[in-house]
């Protein structure tokens, strides 16, 4: 059984550790805190080992890495840095999630409890698909985006990189949401978002 290092000691590390233990594929070796200041800490009985440099003491052929950082841009930066050092990034999928046989998923993704990935869904690398997130048929999600609990992406919509879709938000069918977009909780997006790095709230969604 390979070891697993969790990078990130914030709130998102908790469901990652819990789900990794449920999967039973790894021995969870420890947590790395990117803001480590020498404190002694355990998270769900897993020790915090230190800062990022600790990872270099682990053999990439024997130890996988999962980036448990909620911030999309920070997660991307750490992922890209460690990928250059030869580490592998498995996806961690809760046993209650439903992933259609025709769905395709890259590396380092988290799929939470009761999430749904429908037919021909395509998900890139380093995404967070949280509890009860629903990606309907032929949805495409690029890299390092986050779909919060109970958010819905309707069929054939395309989500760019580093997009945040808040809890209970909805993206209706056949839309394009470009990179860096932030969609507030409960918002409904009814038209394409083609200008990057904009924030939307409300029903229908409007820029703030």
Foldseek 3Di string as FASTA:
>chain_A
DAEEEEEADDPLVQQVVVLVVVVVPHHHAAYAHQPFDPDWDDHVNGTHDYHPVVCVVDDQVRYAYAYRDLQLVVSVVVVVVVVVVPHFFAEGEHPQEAEDPQEAEEGREYHEHPEYHEHNEYEYHNEYQYANEYEYACEYEYHSEYEEACEYEEEQEYHEGSEYAEACEYEYYNEYEYHQEYEYHNEYDDHHDDDHNFYWYDHPTDTD
